[in-house]
């Protein structure tokens, strides 16, 4: 069978077009897997953060927060990674007595993720007893292959 050059080109184009949906499906599957892995990682990090708070474990902040991390607290103050570490190392004036998070929802946008949740805690902060429920939003960015928390904001739950 003898085919002309134009028939061969047409067949090649048709074959290429036919493989696009399967390549798109494979990319979509990879994207969904990456998103599911990110959600699982951020969920684990949020739960590990509570464990670290209860234990007064400053290494969690050291290892999982970006160096330029900033937090706006429900008490109306800004905190940095450095100020959080200093507070955690002063266990006499800063201690988490109880803490529980609920309604955790993680959304992923490429190399950025946002976690929202309800946090109920009882703690000592700078020697002052504090207990309340807050709504929190944490922002994470994937840096050098690892998720780092870059920002957090909490607001007191409406009464």
Protein backbone atom coordinates (compact mmCIF):
# COMPACT_ATOMS: atom_id res chain seq x y z
CA UNK A 1 0.00 0.00 0.00
CA UNK A 2 1.38 3.35 -1.02
CA UNK A 3 0.49 6.44 1.03
CA UNK A 4 1.17 9.98 0.07
CA UNK A 5 3.03 12.34 2.33
CA UNK A 6 -0.17 14.27 3.10
CA UNK A 7 -1.97 11.06 4.18
CA UNK A 8 0.92 10.18 6.51
CA UNK A 9 0.91 13.69 8.02
CA UNK A 10 -2.87 13.50 8.50
CA UNK A 11 -2.57 10.10 10.21
CA UNK A 12 0.24 11.39 12.47
CA UNK A 13 -1.84 14.42 13.50
CA UNK A 14 -4.89 12.23 14.15
CA UNK A 15 -2.79 9.88 16.32
CA UNK A 16 -1.33 12.81 18.27
CA UNK A 17 -4.77 14.29 18.89
CA UNK A 18 -6.09 10.91 20.01
CA UNK A 19 -3.43 10.71 22.75
CA UNK A 20 -4.12 14.18 24.17
CA UNK A 21 -7.08 13.12 26.35
CA UNK A 22 -5.09 10.27 27.91
CA UNK A 23 -2.12 12.57 28.54
CA UNK A 24 -4.47 15.16 30.05
CA UNK A 25 -6.05 12.49 32.22
CA UNK A 26 -2.62 11.34 33.41
CA UNK A 27 -1.67 14.93 34.27
CA UNK A 28 -4.99 15.42 36.07
CA UNK A 29 -4.38 12.22 38.03
CA UNK A 30 -0.86 13.38 39.00
CA UNK A 31 -2.28 16.74 40.03
CA UNK A 32 -5.00 15.09 42.15
CA UNK A 33 -2.40 12.85 43.82
CA UNK A 34 -0.17 15.86 44.57
CA UNK A 35 -3.15 17.74 46.01
CA UNK A 36 -4.21 14.76 48.16
CA UNK A 37 -0.63 14.36 49.43
CA UNK A 38 -0.47 18.07 50.28
CA UNK A 39 -3.81 17.93 52.12
CA UNK A 40 -2.61 14.92 54.14
CA UNK A 41 0.70 16.64 54.95
CA UNK A 42 -0.90 19.93 56.03
CA UNK A 43 -3.52 18.05 58.10
CA UNK A 44 -0.74 16.13 59.83
CA UNK A 45 1.18 19.36 60.44
CA UNK A 46 -1.84 21.07 62.00
CA UNK A 47 -2.41 18.14 64.35
CA UNK A 48 1.31 17.91 65.17
CA UNK A 49 1.26 21.63 65.99
CA UNK A 50 -1.29 20.97 68.75
CA UNK A 51 0.88 18.14 70.12
CA UNK A 52 3.91 20.45 70.07
CA UNK A 53 1.97 23.23 71.83
CA UNK A 54 0.91 20.85 74.60
CA UNK A 55 4.48 19.56 75.00
CA UNK A 56 6.07 23.02 74.75
CA UNK A 57 8.13 21.63 71.85
CA UNK A 58 9.83 24.59 70.18
CA UNK A 59 11.49 22.31 67.61
CA UNK A 60 8.18 22.04 65.76
CA UNK A 61 8.12 25.80 65.15
CA UNK A 62 11.83 25.79 64.31
CA UNK A 63 11.41 23.03 61.70
CA UNK A 64 8.03 23.84 60.18
CA UNK A 65 7.65 27.63 60.16
CA UNK A 66 9.26 29.84 57.54
CA UNK A 67 11.92 32.19 58.88
CA UNK A 68 9.73 35.18 57.96
CA UNK A 69 6.56 33.70 59.52
CA UNK A 70 4.03 36.22 60.87
CA UNK A 71 0.95 35.65 62.98
CA UNK A 72 -1.89 37.98 63.93
CA UNK A 73 -3.37 36.71 67.18
CA UNK A 74 -6.95 36.99 68.42
CA UNK A 75 -5.51 39.10 71.25
CA UNK A 76 -4.49 41.82 68.79
CA UNK A 77 -0.73 41.30 68.61
CA UNK A 78 1.70 40.33 65.88
CA UNK A 79 4.11 37.46 66.46
CA UNK A 80 7.07 36.24 64.46
CA UNK A 81 8.81 32.89 64.38
CA UNK A 82 11.48 34.34 66.64
CA UNK A 83 8.99 35.68 69.22
CA UNK A 84 7.09 32.36 69.25
CA UNK A 85 10.33 30.46 69.86
CA UNK A 86 11.28 32.81 72.71
CA UNK A 87 7.83 32.38 74.29
CA UNK A 88 7.94 28.59 73.97
CA UNK A 89 11.34 28.48 75.68
CA UNK A 90 9.95 30.42 78.66
CA UNK A 91 7.79 27.61 80.08
CA UNK A 92 7.29 29.41 83.40
CA UNK A 93 5.21 32.16 81.74
CA UNK A 94 3.96 30.37 78.61
CA UNK A 95 2.24 26.99 78.67
CA UNK A 96 -0.62 25.32 76.84
CA UNK A 97 -2.81 23.43 79.31
CA UNK A 98 -5.29 22.09 76.76
CA UNK A 99 -5.95 22.54 73.07
CA UNK A 100 -8.14 20.92 70.43
CA UNK A 101 -8.78 21.79 66.81
CA UNK A 102 -11.90 20.91 64.82
CA UNK A 103 -13.54 21.68 61.48
CA UNK A 104 -10.14 21.51 59.76
CA UNK A 105 -10.35 22.25 56.04
CA UNK A 106 -7.26 22.33 53.80
CA UNK A 107 -7.30 23.78 50.28
CA UNK A 108 -4.32 23.55 47.93
CA UNK A 109 -3.40 26.01 45.19
CA UNK A 110 -0.25 24.62 43.57
CA UNK A 111 2.64 25.31 45.96
CA UNK A 112 0.39 27.22 48.38
CA UNK A 113 -2.12 25.80 50.85
CA UNK A 114 -4.63 27.37 53.22
CA UNK A 115 -5.94 25.62 56.32
CA UNK A 116 -8.95 26.89 58.27
CA UNK A 117 -10.12 25.47 61.58
CA UNK A 118 -11.63 26.10 64.99
CA UNK A 119 -9.15 26.04 67.90
CA UNK A 120 -10.21 25.77 71.54
CA UNK A 121 -7.45 26.27 74.08
CA UNK A 122 -6.59 27.04 77.68
CA UNK A 123 -3.12 28.47 78.20
CA UNK A 124 -0.78 30.77 80.05
CA UNK A 125 0.67 33.56 77.86
CA UNK A 126 3.25 35.93 79.33
CA UNK A 127 2.03 34.89 82.78
CA UNK A 128 -1.61 35.65 81.98
CA UNK A 129 -4.31 32.94 81.84
CA UNK A 130 -6.08 32.82 78.47
CA UNK A 131 -8.85 30.50 77.34
CA UNK A 132 -11.11 30.84 74.33
CA UNK A 133 -12.21 29.42 71.02
CA UNK A 134 -10.88 31.06 67.87
CA UNK A 135 -11.30 30.68 64.14
CA UNK A 136 -7.89 30.35 62.51
CA UNK A 137 -6.43 30.53 59.03
CA UNK A 138 -2.92 29.21 58.35
CA UNK A 139 -1.06 29.70 55.08
CA UNK A 140 1.61 27.27 53.87
CA UNK A 141 4.06 27.47 50.97
CA UNK A 142 6.08 24.60 49.55
CA UNK A 143 9.74 25.64 49.81
CA UNK A 144 12.56 23.40 48.58
CA UNK A 145 10.20 20.40 48.55
CA UNK A 146 8.83 20.92 52.10
CA UNK A 147 5.71 22.66 53.32
CA UNK A 148 6.40 25.63 55.61
CA UNK A 149 3.86 27.69 57.49
CA UNK A 150 4.32 31.31 56.43
CA UNK A 151 1.37 33.07 58.08
CA UNK A 152 -1.44 32.60 60.58
CA UNK A 153 -4.38 34.66 61.72
CA UNK A 154 -6.95 34.01 64.44
CA UNK A 155 -10.15 35.76 65.43
CA UNK A 156 -12.23 35.13 68.52
CA UNK A 157 -15.36 33.10 67.84
CA UNK A 158 -18.53 35.19 67.91
CA UNK A 159 -20.50 34.81 71.11
